[in-house]
């Protein structure tokens, strides 16, 4: 038994890539929407609030699990962004806050020279 190959008809061919119209949404300023804040931005905002935040609040805001939140705090906040992450234990809950970034050694030496 042989299989018959179905050939595409010439009328059903698609437009070539160059003949297609460009996507107007990418260039039209009326259709461009501002991006929603990223999860990283939301967590940083929570950490910068005067009251600070808990791991549970970060979990609720991002949908991440506890190990992911702790990894984000250590890997991104502390190492990648080089923010000073502080924590304290209040009423049995650990509260995390971000303090201003640590000035580099060159900034300190310039401040002393002035």
Protein backbone atom coordinates (compact mmCIF):
# COMPACT_ATOMS: atom_id res chain seq x y z
CA UNK A 1 0.00 0.00 0.00
CA UNK A 2 1.38 3.33 -0.91
CA UNK A 3 0.55 6.58 0.82
CA UNK A 4 -0.50 9.48 -1.28
CA UNK A 5 1.30 12.67 -0.38
CA UNK A 6 -0.92 15.66 -0.02
CA UNK A 7 0.50 18.62 -1.86
CA UNK A 8 -0.33 22.14 -0.73
CA UNK A 9 -2.37 24.08 -3.23
CA UNK A 10 -0.78 27.23 -4.67
CA UNK A 11 -3.74 29.36 -3.55
CA UNK A 12 -3.22 28.52 0.11
CA UNK A 13 0.30 29.86 0.31
CA UNK A 14 0.98 32.38 3.06
CA UNK A 15 2.46 35.80 2.58
CA UNK A 16 6.20 35.97 2.74
CA UNK A 17 7.73 37.47 5.85
CA UNK A 18 8.73 40.65 4.03
CA UNK A 19 5.22 41.12 2.62
CA UNK A 20 3.54 40.96 6.03
CA UNK A 21 2.58 44.20 7.73
CA UNK A 22 4.65 45.20 10.77
CA UNK A 23 3.04 44.89 14.17
CA UNK A 24 1.68 48.37 14.96
CA UNK A 25 1.39 47.67 18.67
CA UNK A 26 5.17 47.71 18.98
CA UNK A 27 5.54 51.15 17.41
CA UNK A 28 2.26 52.98 18.10
CA UNK A 29 2.58 54.97 21.36
CA UNK A 30 -1.19 54.93 21.82
CA UNK A 31 -1.23 51.16 22.23
CA UNK A 32 1.90 50.80 24.41
CA UNK A 33 1.02 50.10 28.03
CA UNK A 34 3.39 50.56 30.93
CA UNK A 35 4.74 47.27 32.24
CA UNK A 36 3.43 45.89 35.47
CA UNK A 37 6.04 45.93 38.22
CA UNK A 38 8.16 42.80 38.23
CA UNK A 39 8.19 40.44 41.16
CA UNK A 40 11.69 41.61 41.98
CA UNK A 41 10.52 45.24 42.07
CA UNK A 42 7.59 44.33 44.31
CA UNK A 43 9.86 42.51 46.78
CA UNK A 44 12.35 45.40 46.87
CA UNK A 45 9.48 47.80 47.50
CA UNK A 46 8.29 45.66 50.42
CA UNK A 47 11.81 45.48 51.82
CA UNK A 48 12.26 49.26 51.58
CA UNK A 49 9.08 50.06 53.47
CA UNK A 50 9.74 51.49 56.96
CA UNK A 51 7.99 48.54 58.63
CA UNK A 52 9.88 45.98 56.57
CA UNK A 53 8.33 42.69 55.53
CA UNK A 54 8.21 39.00 56.38
CA UNK A 55 8.95 35.97 54.26
CA UNK A 56 5.25 35.12 54.36
CA UNK A 57 4.31 38.54 52.93
CA UNK A 58 6.85 38.09 50.12
CA UNK A 59 5.47 34.62 49.43
CA UNK A 60 1.96 36.07 49.16
CA UNK A 61 3.08 38.94 46.89
CA UNK A 62 5.06 36.75 44.49
CA UNK A 63 3.61 33.26 44.70
CA UNK A 64 7.07 31.89 45.51
CA UNK A 65 7.77 29.18 48.07
CA UNK A 66 9.81 29.83 51.20
CA UNK A 67 13.13 28.43 49.88
CA UNK A 68 12.79 30.58 46.76
CA UNK A 69 12.25 33.71 48.85
CA UNK A 70 15.29 32.96 51.01
CA UNK A 71 17.37 32.28 47.89
CA UNK A 72 16.21 35.55 46.36
CA UNK A 73 17.14 37.46 49.52
CA UNK A 74 20.61 35.93 49.64
CA UNK A 75 21.44 35.69 45.95
CA UNK A 76 19.78 38.72 44.42
CA UNK A 77 19.28 41.24 47.20
CA UNK A 78 22.57 40.70 49.00
CA UNK A 79 24.95 39.49 46.30
CA UNK A 80 23.71 40.80 42.96
CA UNK A 81 22.17 44.12 44.04
CA UNK A 82 24.62 44.53 46.95
CA UNK A 83 21.92 45.89 49.25
CA UNK A 84 22.40 45.70 52.99
CA UNK A 85 19.67 43.37 54.17
CA UNK A 86 18.87 43.59 57.85
CA UNK A 87 16.53 41.47 59.92
CA UNK A 88 15.15 41.46 63.42
CA UNK A 89 12.89 39.19 65.40
CA UNK A 90 9.70 40.94 66.57
CA UNK A 91 6.99 39.02 68.40
CA UNK A 92 8.18 35.72 66.96
CA UNK A 93 8.23 37.01 63.36
CA UNK A 94 11.41 37.78 61.45
CA UNK A 95 11.17 41.21 59.79
CA UNK A 96 13.47 41.98 56.84
CA UNK A 97 14.46 45.49 55.72
CA UNK A 98 16.83 46.87 53.10
CA UNK A 99 19.12 49.63 54.24
CA UNK A 100 20.83 52.00 51.78
CA UNK A 101 23.63 50.37 49.76
CA UNK A 102 27.10 50.28 51.28
CA UNK A 103 29.42 52.94 49.88
CA UNK A 104 32.44 51.56 48.08
CA UNK A 105 35.97 52.15 49.41
CA UNK A 106 36.71 54.82 46.79
CA UNK A 107 33.67 56.84 47.91
CA UNK A 108 34.86 56.78 51.52
CA UNK A 109 38.37 57.93 50.61
CA UNK A 110 36.98 60.81 48.52
CA UNK A 111 34.77 61.91 51.40
CA UNK A 112 37.78 61.99 53.75
CA UNK A 113 39.82 64.11 51.33
CA UNK A 114 37.20 66.86 51.26
